[in-house]
Amino acid sequence: MLEITILAVALSMDAFAVSLTMGISNPKKIQKLAILAGLYFGLFQGLMPLFGYLGGIALFGWLGGFAHWIAFILLVIIGLKMIHEAVTAQPDRSATSKIYSHYSLLLLAIATSIDALAAGFSLTLMSINGIYACIVIAIITFLFSYIGVLMGRSSSAWLGNKAEIVGGLVLIFLGIKILIV
């Protein structure tokens, strides 16, 4: 359960960072936006690792002894990508009056959950129930996204980049753990 929770928190950091920005840029109808962000991000962060998990099961027999290395490489690449994006992100100066439509929320949810697809492959190596893990990931991402929008309303944008850096580091450490164990 601890590994699932750690993975869920790490994967939800992208959605949390985007949710913070959404809260900063849209102070009106904040409750509705927080619920919608939680639903969109939670659903996609839960579905994408499920697809990766199911694909990982199919590929696991074929890849055999290389699976641990593949999971390690994927998690490290995802983690480094998250850290790089957080460090090199430029503030959006036009964010003061954004309105988020269902279409834009859908695109943001897909974009922030692509890394969860790759991370889902590693679930096949953790000897856990992948379906259960995906449900936990969806719930935790919902909570982080919901809270992120509300926090964004009352905080500055500096927290978003730091959250993404922590998420990237956690994914790298999970990859190292899979390789070692």
C-alpha atoms as a PDB file:
ATOM      1  CA  MET A   1       0.000   0.000   0.000  1.00  0.00           C
ATOM      2  CA  LEU A   2       2.868   2.374   0.765  1.00  0.00           C
ATOM      3  CA  GLU A   3       4.425   1.903  -2.698  1.00  0.00           C
ATOM      4  CA  ILE A   4       1.070   2.516  -4.372  1.00  0.00           C
ATOM      5  CA  THR A   5       0.516   5.684  -2.365  1.00  0.00           C
ATOM      6  CA  ILE A   6       4.012   6.979  -3.100  1.00  0.00           C
ATOM      7  CA  LEU A   7       3.576   6.283  -6.813  1.00  0.00           C
ATOM      8  CA  ALA A   8       0.140   7.937  -6.790  1.00  0.00           C
ATOM      9  CA  VAL A   9       1.457  11.055  -5.084  1.00  0.00           C
ATOM     10  CA  ALA A  10       4.399  11.271  -7.485  1.00  0.00           C
ATOM     11  CA  LEU A  11       2.196  10.853 -10.559  1.00  0.00           C
ATOM     12  CA  SER A  12      -0.297  13.422  -9.305  1.00  0.00           C
ATOM     13  CA  MET A  13       2.328  16.179  -9.047  1.00  0.00           C
ATOM     14  CA  ASP A  14       1.896  17.250 -12.688  1.00  0.00           C
ATOM     15  CA  ALA A  15      -1.852  17.548 -12.204  1.00  0.00           C
ATOM     16  CA  PHE A  16      -1.309  19.335  -8.882  1.00  0.00           C
ATOM     17  CA  ALA A  17       1.014  21.877 -10.502  1.00  0.00           C
ATOM     18  CA  VAL A  18      -1.457  22.522 -13.336  1.00  0.00           C
ATOM     19  CA  SER A  19      -4.301  22.778 -10.820  1.00  0.00           C
ATOM     20  CA  LEU A  20      -2.384  25.396  -8.840  1.00  0.00           C
ATOM     21  CA  THR A  21      -2.019  27.445 -12.010  1.00  0.00           C
ATOM     22  CA  MET A  22      -5.704  27.003 -12.767  1.00  0.00           C
ATOM     23  CA  GLY A  23      -6.630  28.296  -9.323  1.00  0.00           C
ATOM     24  CA  ILE A  24      -4.319  31.278  -9.700  1.00  0.00           C
ATOM     25  CA  SER A  25      -5.656  32.172 -13.137  1.00  0.00           C
ATOM     26  CA  ASN A  26      -9.365  31.678 -12.483  1.00  0.00           C
ATOM     27  CA  PRO A  27     -10.569  33.063  -9.164  1.00  0.00           C
ATOM     28  CA  LYS A  28     -14.252  32.893 -10.150  1.00  0.00           C
ATOM     29  CA  LYS A  29     -16.351  29.732  -9.735  1.00  0.00           C
ATOM     30  CA  ILE A  30     -13.435  28.121  -7.915  1.00  0.00           C
ATOM     31  CA  GLN A  31     -15.433  25.222  -6.410  1.00  0.00           C
ATOM     32  CA  LYS A  32     -16.769  24.128  -9.802  1.00  0.00           C
ATOM     33  CA  LEU A  33     -13.316  24.380 -11.354  1.00  0.00           C
ATOM     34  CA  ALA A  34     -11.769  22.419  -8.466  1.00  0.00           C
ATOM     35  CA  ILE A  35     -14.281  19.581  -8.867  1.00  0.00           C
ATOM     36  CA  LEU A  36     -13.903  19.488 -12.656  1.00  0.00           C
ATOM     37  CA  ALA A  37     -10.096  19.522 -12.438  1.00  0.00           C
ATOM     38  CA  GLY A  38     -10.213  16.723  -9.868  1.00  0.00           C
ATOM     39  CA  LEU A  39     -12.530  14.620 -12.014  1.00  0.00           C
ATOM     40  CA  TYR A  40     -10.645  15.095 -15.277  1.00  0.00           C
ATOM     41  CA  PHE A  41      -7.151  14.674 -13.827  1.00  0.00           C
ATOM     42  CA  GLY A  42      -8.183  11.847 -11.495  1.00  0.00           C
ATOM     43  CA  LEU A  43      -9.915   9.902 -14.253  1.00  0.00           C
ATOM     44  CA  PHE A  44      -7.022  10.148 -16.697  1.00  0.00           C
ATOM     45  CA  GLN A  45      -4.316   9.561 -14.084  1.00  0.00           C
ATOM     46  CA  GLY A  46      -6.223   6.398 -13.138  1.00  0.00           C
ATOM     47  CA  LEU A  47      -6.906   5.179 -16.676  1.00  0.00           C
ATOM     48  CA  MET A  48      -3.479   5.726 -18.194  1.00  0.00           C
ATOM     49  CA  PRO A  49      -1.540   3.517 -15.753  1.00  0.00           C
ATOM     50  CA  LEU A  50      -4.264   0.904 -16.185  1.00  0.00           C
ATOM     51  CA  PHE A  51      -3.524   0.838 -19.917  1.00  0.00           C
ATOM     52  CA  GLY A  52       0.196   0.676 -19.146  1.00  0.00           C
ATOM     53  CA  TYR A  53      -0.384  -2.091 -16.588  1.00  0.00           C
ATOM     54  CA  LEU A  54      -2.466  -4.193 -18.986  1.00  0.00           C
ATOM     55  CA  GLY A  55       0.081  -3.640 -21.755  1.00  0.00           C
ATOM     56  CA  GLY A  56       2.858  -4.499 -19.306  1.00  0.00           C
ATOM     57  CA  ILE A  57       1.228  -7.820 -18.451  1.00  0.00           C
ATOM     58  CA  ALA A  58       1.037  -8.668 -22.146  1.00  0.00           C
ATOM     59  CA  LEU A  59       4.662  -7.680 -22.705  1.00  0.00           C
ATOM     60  CA  PHE A  60       6.035  -9.095 -19.443  1.00  0.00           C
ATOM     61  CA  GLY A  61       6.355 -12.661 -20.706  1.00  0.00           C
ATOM     62  CA  TRP A  62       8.028 -11.478 -23.872  1.00  0.00           C
ATOM     63  CA  LEU A  63      10.500  -9.146 -22.137  1.00  0.00           C
ATOM     64  CA  GLY A  64      11.352 -11.513 -19.268  1.00  0.00           C
ATOM     65  CA  GLY A  65      14.497 -10.484 -17.398  1.00  0.00           C
ATOM     66  CA  PHE A  66      14.717  -7.066 -19.031  1.00  0.00           C
ATOM     67  CA  ALA A  67      11.438  -5.827 -17.534  1.00  0.00           C
ATOM     68  CA  HIS A  68      13.076  -4.425 -14.382  1.00  0.00           C
ATOM     69  CA  TRP A  69      15.532  -2.439 -16.485  1.00  0.00           C
ATOM     70  CA  ILE A  70      12.774  -1.109 -18.717  1.00  0.00           C
ATOM     71  CA  ALA A  71      10.684   0.004 -15.724  1.00  0.00           C
ATOM     72  CA  PHE A  72      13.766   1.622 -14.169  1.00  0.00           C
ATOM     73  CA  ILE A  73      14.608   3.492 -17.367  1.00  0.00           C
ATOM     74  CA  LEU A  74      11.011   4.640 -17.903  1.00  0.00           C
ATOM     75  CA  LEU A  75      10.582   5.905 -14.338  1.00  0.00           C
ATOM     76  CA  VAL A  76      13.935   7.715 -14.384  1.00  0.00           C
ATOM     77  CA  ILE A  77      13.157   9.325 -17.747  1.00  0.00           C
ATOM     78  CA  ILE A  78       9.714  10.409 -16.526  1.00  0.00           C
ATOM     79  CA  GLY A  79      11.197  11.754 -13.293  1.00  0.00           C
ATOM     80  CA  LEU A  80      13.941  13.657 -15.092  1.00  0.00           C
ATOM     81  CA  LYS A  81      11.397  15.037 -17.562  1.00  0.00           C
ATOM     82  CA  MET A  82       9.229  16.306 -14.698  1.00  0.00           C
ATOM     83  CA  ILE A  83      12.236  17.943 -13.019  1.00  0.00           C
ATOM     84  CA  HIS A  84      13.430  19.485 -16.295  1.00  0.00           C
ATOM     85  CA  GLU A  85       9.989  20.904 -17.084  1.00  0.00           C
ATOM     86  CA  ALA A  86       9.695  22.323 -13.561  1.00  0.00           C
ATOM     87  CA  VAL A  87      13.117  23.971 -13.699  1.00  0.00           C
ATOM     88  CA  THR A  88      12.750  25.396 -17.206  1.00  0.00           C
ATOM     89  CA  ALA A  89       9.068  26.437 -16.985  1.00  0.00           C
ATOM     90  CA  GLN A  90       8.374  30.039 -17.864  1.00  0.00           C
ATOM     91  CA  PRO A  91       5.570  31.832 -16.020  1.00  0.00           C
ATOM     92  CA  ASP A  92       2.446  32.372 -18.079  1.00  0.00           C
ATOM     93  CA  ARG A  93       1.829  36.096 -18.052  1.00  0.00           C
ATOM     94  CA  SER A  94      -1.533  35.743 -19.800  1.00  0.00           C
ATOM     95  CA  ALA A  95      -2.919  33.455 -17.106  1.00  0.00           C
ATOM     96  CA  THR A  96      -4.777  36.195 -15.262  1.00  0.00           C
ATOM     97  CA  SER A  97      -8.128  35.622 -16.957  1.00  0.00           C
ATOM     98  CA  LYS A  98      -8.176  32.085 -18.322  1.00  0.00           C
ATOM     99  CA  ILE A  99     -11.451  30.217 -18.614  1.00  0.00           C
ATOM    100  CA  TYR A 100     -11.161  26.447 -18.701  1.00  0.00           C
ATOM    101  CA  SER A 101     -13.597  24.655 -20.999  1.00  0.00           C
ATOM    102  CA  HIS A 102     -14.246  20.920 -20.913  1.00  0.00           C
ATOM    103  CA  TYR A 103     -12.104  20.592 -24.026  1.00  0.00           C
ATOM    104  CA  SER A 104      -9.142  22.401 -22.459  1.00  0.00           C
ATOM    105  CA  LEU A 105      -9.517  20.340 -19.279  1.00  0.00           C
ATOM    106  CA  LEU A 106      -9.532  17.174 -21.384  1.00  0.00           C
ATOM    107  CA  LEU A 107      -6.347  18.201 -23.185  1.00  0.00           C
ATOM    108  CA  LEU A 108      -4.641  19.126 -19.912  1.00  0.00           C
ATOM    109  CA  ALA A 109      -5.710  15.826 -18.341  1.00  0.00           C
ATOM    110  CA  ILE A 110      -4.296  13.828 -21.250  1.00  0.00           C
ATOM    111  CA  ALA A 111      -1.074  15.826 -21.306  1.00  0.00           C
ATOM    112  CA  THR A 112      -0.460  15.435 -17.575  1.00  0.00           C
ATOM    113  CA  SER A 113      -1.228  11.711 -17.602  1.00  0.00           C
ATOM    114  CA  ILE A 114       1.033  10.529 -20.426  1.00  0.00           C
ATOM    115  CA  ASP A 115       3.773   9.752 -17.904  1.00  0.00           C
ATOM    116  CA  ALA A 116       1.278   7.641 -15.932  1.00  0.00           C
ATOM    117  CA  LEU A 117       0.915   5.384 -18.980  1.00  0.00           C
ATOM    118  CA  ALA A 118       4.603   4.538 -18.860  1.00  0.00           C
ATOM    119  CA  ALA A 119       4.566   4.261 -15.074  1.00  0.00           C
ATOM    120  CA  GLY A 120       1.700   1.782 -15.327  1.00  0.00           C
ATOM    121  CA  PHE A 121       4.068  -0.682 -16.944  1.00  0.00           C
ATOM    122  CA  SER A 122       6.105  -0.747 -13.728  1.00  0.00           C
ATOM    123  CA  LEU A 123       3.033  -1.872 -11.768  1.00  0.00           C
ATOM    124  CA  THR A 124       3.474  -5.344 -13.262  1.00  0.00           C
ATOM    125  CA  LEU A 125       6.815  -5.585 -11.448  1.00  0.00           C
ATOM    126  CA  MET A 126       5.617  -4.486  -8.012  1.00  0.00           C
ATOM    127  CA  SER A 127       3.594  -7.628  -7.200  1.00  0.00           C
ATOM    128  CA  ILE A 128       0.512  -5.569  -6.408  1.00  0.00           C
ATOM    129  CA  ASN A 129      -3.013  -5.497  -7.752  1.00  0.00           C
ATOM    130  CA  GLY A 130      -2.757  -3.139 -10.730  1.00  0.00           C
ATOM    131  CA  ILE A 131      -6.465  -2.351 -10.864  1.00  0.00           C
ATOM    132  CA  TYR A 132      -6.456  -1.415  -7.178  1.00  0.00           C
ATOM    133  CA  ALA A 133      -3.343   0.716  -7.697  1.00  0.00           C
ATOM    134  CA  CYS A 134      -5.005   2.599 -10.562  1.00  0.00           C
ATOM    135  CA  ILE A 135      -8.059   3.331  -8.396  1.00  0.00           C
ATOM    136  CA  VAL A 136      -5.811   4.669  -5.631  1.00  0.00           C
ATOM    137  CA  ILE A 137      -3.899   6.778  -8.179  1.00  0.00           C
ATOM    138  CA  ALA A 138      -7.187   8.216  -9.488  1.00  0.00           C
ATOM    139  CA  ILE A 139      -8.469   9.075  -6.000  1.00  0.00           C
ATOM    140  CA  ILE A 140      -5.220  10.662  -4.849  1.00  0.00           C
ATOM    141  CA  THR A 141      -4.923  12.646  -8.075  1.00  0.00           C
ATOM    142  CA  PHE A 142      -8.506  13.848  -7.663  1.00  0.00           C
ATOM    143  CA  LEU A 143      -7.699  15.059  -4.149  1.00  0.00           C
ATOM    144  CA  PHE A 144      -4.425  16.718  -5.167  1.00  0.00           C
ATOM    145  CA  SER A 145      -6.057  18.435  -8.145  1.00  0.00           C
ATOM    146  CA  TYR A 146      -9.046  19.622  -6.131  1.00  0.00           C
ATOM    147  CA  ILE A 147      -6.826  20.970  -3.356  1.00  0.00           C
ATOM    148  CA  GLY A 148      -4.391  22.410  -5.922  1.00  0.00           C
ATOM    149  CA  VAL A 149      -7.061  24.602  -7.507  1.00  0.00           C
ATOM    150  CA  LEU A 150      -8.140  25.864  -4.096  1.00  0.00           C
ATOM    151  CA  MET A 151      -4.547  26.466  -2.996  1.00  0.00           C
ATOM    152  CA  GLY A 152      -3.783  28.231  -6.263  1.00  0.00           C
ATOM    153  CA  ARG A 153      -6.467  30.747  -5.507  1.00  0.00           C
ATOM    154  CA  SER A 154      -4.675  31.851  -2.349  1.00  0.00           C
ATOM    155  CA  SER A 155      -1.013  31.141  -3.098  1.00  0.00           C
ATOM    156  CA  SER A 156       1.634  32.182  -5.535  1.00  0.00           C
ATOM    157  CA  ALA A 157       2.835  30.069  -8.461  1.00  0.00           C
ATOM    158  CA  TRP A 158       6.194  29.140  -6.845  1.00  0.00           C
ATOM    159  CA  LEU A 159       4.746  26.017  -5.206  1.00  0.00           C
ATOM    160  CA  GLY A 160       3.821  24.373  -8.523  1.00  0.00           C
ATOM    161  CA  ASN A 161       7.400  23.957  -9.766  1.00  0.00           C
ATOM    162  CA  LYS A 162       8.609  22.640  -6.422  1.00  0.00           C
ATOM    163  CA  ALA A 163       5.806  20.065  -6.319  1.00  0.00           C
ATOM    164  CA  GLU A 164       6.792  18.809  -9.770  1.00  0.00           C
ATOM    165  CA  ILE A 165      10.448  18.513  -8.732  1.00  0.00           C
ATOM    166  CA  VAL A 166       9.483  16.418  -5.692  1.00  0.00           C
ATOM    167  CA  GLY A 167       7.270  14.224  -7.875  1.00  0.00           C
ATOM    168  CA  GLY A 168      10.115  13.685 -10.343  1.00  0.00           C
ATOM    169  CA  LEU A 169      12.543  12.735  -7.569  1.00  0.00           C
ATOM    170  CA  VAL A 170      10.063  10.251  -6.109  1.00  0.00           C
ATOM    171  CA  LEU A 171       9.634   8.555  -9.512  1.00  0.00           C
ATOM    172  CA  ILE A 172      13.413   8.278  -9.883  1.00  0.00           C
ATOM    173  CA  PHE A 173      13.706   6.702  -6.420  1.00  0.00           C
ATOM    174  CA  LEU A 174      10.905   4.241  -7.240  1.00  0.00           C
ATOM    175  CA  GLY A 175      12.784   3.269 -10.402  1.00  0.00           C
ATOM    176  CA  ILE A 176      15.960   2.675  -8.399  1.00  0.00           C
ATOM    177  CA  LYS A 177      14.018   0.577  -5.882  1.00  0.00           C
ATOM    178  CA  ILE A 178      12.586  -1.617  -8.655  1.00  0.00           C
ATOM    179  CA  LEU A 179      16.085  -2.147 -10.030  1.00  0.00           C
ATOM    180  CA  ILE A 180      17.578  -3.021  -6.648  1.00  0.00           C
ATOM    181  CA  VAL A 181      14.787  -5.314  -5.397  1.00  0.00           C
END
